[in-house]
Amino acid sequence: QVQLVESGGGSVQAGGSLTLACTTSRSTYSSNCMGWFRQAPGQDREGVAAMYTADGRYYYPDSMKGRFTISRDNAKNTVYLQMNSLKPEDTAMYYCAAQTSRDGATYRCNGEALRRAIAGGAYWGQGTQVTVSS
């Protein structure tokens, strides 16, 4: 059974920072497109960032550029999401996901991969809550 375990969420004041971590097995992590997503109450899940673990290429949707940084530690099978200058509107459950198949979309690891993950083409973690107070 594929498992992804997120950690690092919490409550911070606006302007603060948090770093989330997502750890999974070597087989799930290797040469895969790993992504971070978030979902606020009553809203759709949206992609925040993606990284192809084999070479570290990354992708951010335009709306997420500037304050979020995705990174990886291959030795730990872990991807991170550093979040800076947090705003109350960043409050959401944050999820990590890994693509279920390795193909061209996985390799490109861009918006297409994020959309495919949301549509059902990914393994998901249980989520970690981020709450930003004003």
Protein backbone atom coordinates (compact mmCIF):
# COMPACT_ATOMS: atom_id res chain seq x y z
CA GLN A 1 0.00 0.00 0.00
CA VAL A 2 1.37 3.38 -1.00
CA GLN A 3 1.76 5.82 1.85
CA LEU A 4 2.65 9.47 1.85
CA VAL A 5 3.05 11.14 5.22
CA GLU A 6 2.90 14.91 5.55
CA SER A 7 4.14 16.88 8.52
CA GLY A 8 4.96 20.43 9.51
CA GLY A 9 1.59 22.11 9.49
CA GLY A 10 0.45 24.38 12.27
CA SER A 11 -0.83 27.79 13.22
CA VAL A 12 1.14 30.92 12.44
CA GLN A 13 0.51 34.62 12.28
CA ALA A 14 0.38 36.44 8.99
CA GLY A 15 3.85 37.06 7.66
CA GLY A 16 5.23 33.92 9.23
CA SER A 17 6.74 30.85 7.63
CA LEU A 18 6.23 27.12 7.70
CA THR A 19 7.95 24.22 6.04
CA LEU A 20 5.96 21.12 5.22
CA ALA A 21 7.51 17.71 4.59
CA CYS A 22 6.19 14.68 2.72
CA THR A 23 7.88 11.32 3.07
CA THR A 24 7.12 8.19 1.13
CA SER A 25 8.73 4.94 0.07
CA ARG A 26 11.67 4.75 -2.28
CA SER A 27 9.59 3.05 -4.95
CA THR A 28 6.95 5.77 -4.90
CA TYR A 29 9.47 8.60 -4.69
CA SER A 30 11.99 7.60 -7.34
CA SER A 31 11.65 9.30 -10.73
CA ASN A 32 8.21 10.53 -9.91
CA CYS A 33 6.36 13.80 -10.03
CA MET A 34 5.58 14.80 -6.47
CA GLY A 35 3.19 17.63 -5.83
CA TRP A 36 1.81 19.83 -3.11
CA PHE A 37 -1.82 20.82 -3.11
CA ARG A 38 -4.16 22.67 -0.81
CA GLN A 39 -7.86 22.77 -0.16
CA ALA A 40 -9.69 25.35 1.88
CA PRO A 41 -13.19 24.65 3.23
CA GLY A 42 -15.76 24.92 0.51
CA GLN A 43 -13.18 25.32 -2.22
CA ASP A 44 -11.68 23.05 -4.83
CA ARG A 45 -8.32 21.44 -4.34
CA GLU A 46 -5.60 23.39 -6.12
CA GLY A 47 -2.03 22.68 -7.05
CA VAL A 48 0.70 24.60 -5.27
CA ALA A 49 3.94 23.14 -6.60
CA ALA A 50 5.41 20.09 -8.30
CA MET A 51 8.85 18.57 -8.54
CA TYR A 52 10.29 15.75 -10.63
CA THR A 53 12.38 13.90 -8.10
CA ALA A 54 14.93 12.48 -10.54
CA ASP A 55 16.40 15.84 -11.52
CA GLY A 56 14.76 18.43 -9.30
CA ARG A 57 12.87 20.27 -12.01
CA TYR A 58 10.00 22.15 -10.49
CA TYR A 59 6.81 23.89 -11.47
CA TYR A 60 4.58 26.45 -9.80
CA PRO A 61 1.23 27.66 -11.08
CA ASP A 62 1.39 31.40 -11.70
CA SER A 63 -0.80 32.09 -8.67
CA MET A 64 1.70 30.31 -6.40
CA LYS A 65 4.94 31.86 -7.60
CA GLY A 66 6.94 33.97 -5.20
CA ARG A 67 6.20 32.73 -1.67
CA PHE A 68 6.37 28.94 -2.01
CA THR A 69 9.45 26.84 -2.62
CA ILE A 70 9.46 23.12 -3.29
CA SER A 71 12.59 21.08 -2.66
CA ARG A 72 13.63 17.48 -2.11
CA ASP A 73 15.98 15.24 -0.18
CA ASN A 74 16.60 12.09 -2.17
CA ALA A 75 18.29 10.35 0.74
CA LYS A 76 15.11 10.72 2.78
CA ASN A 77 12.56 10.17 -0.01
CA THR A 78 11.10 13.49 1.07
CA VAL A 79 9.80 16.60 -0.64
CA TYR A 80 9.37 19.88 1.18
CA LEU A 81 7.25 22.95 0.75
CA GLN A 82 8.65 26.10 2.28
CA MET A 83 6.01 28.77 2.69
CA ASN A 84 7.00 32.36 3.44
CA SER A 85 5.07 35.57 4.06
CA LEU A 86 2.00 33.56 4.84
CA LYS A 87 -1.41 35.20 4.52
CA PRO A 88 -4.75 34.31 6.07
CA GLU A 89 -5.92 33.18 2.64
CA ASP A 90 -3.23 30.48 2.70
CA THR A 91 -5.22 28.74 5.42
CA ALA A 92 -6.07 25.28 4.12
CA MET A 93 -5.38 21.61 4.40
CA TYR A 94 -2.17 20.91 2.52
CA TYR A 95 -1.72 17.59 0.77
CA CYS A 96 1.17 15.80 -0.83
CA ALA A 97 0.66 13.55 -3.84
CA ALA A 98 2.64 11.27 -6.09
CA GLN A 99 1.68 10.27 -9.60
CA THR A 100 0.38 6.74 -9.97
CA SER A 101 1.99 6.19 -13.37
CA ARG A 102 5.33 7.05 -14.93
CA ASP A 103 4.83 8.52 -18.38
CA GLY A 104 5.41 11.69 -20.31
CA ALA A 105 3.15 13.72 -18.06
CA THR A 106 5.05 12.49 -15.03
CA TYR A 107 8.36 13.49 -16.59
CA ARG A 108 7.11 16.95 -17.57
CA CYS A 109 5.74 17.38 -14.04
CA ASN A 110 3.94 20.63 -14.76
CA GLY A 111 0.40 21.92 -14.63
CA GLU A 112 -0.80 18.92 -16.59
CA ALA A 113 0.51 16.61 -13.88
CA LEU A 114 -1.11 18.66 -11.14
CA ARG A 115 -4.44 18.52 -12.94
CA ARG A 116 -4.14 14.81 -13.51
CA ALA A 117 -3.40 14.25 -9.83
CA ILE A 118 -6.54 16.13 -8.83
CA ALA A 119 -8.52 14.13 -11.36
CA GLY A 120 -7.53 10.86 -9.69
CA GLY A 121 -4.12 10.02 -11.04
CA ALA A 122 -2.19 10.20 -7.79
CA TYR A 123 -1.59 8.69 -4.42
CA TRP A 124 -2.38 11.12 -1.61
CA GLY A 125 -1.28 11.77 1.91
CA GLN A 126 -3.65 12.46 4.75
CA GLY A 127 -2.96 16.18 4.72
CA THR A 128 -1.60 18.65 7.23
CA GLN A 129 -3.50 21.72 8.38
CA VAL A 130 -2.06 25.19 7.95
CA THR A 131 -3.84 28.04 9.71
CA VAL A 132 -2.71 31.63 9.28
CA SER A 133 -4.17 34.24 11.58
CA SER A 134 -4.27 37.96 10.89
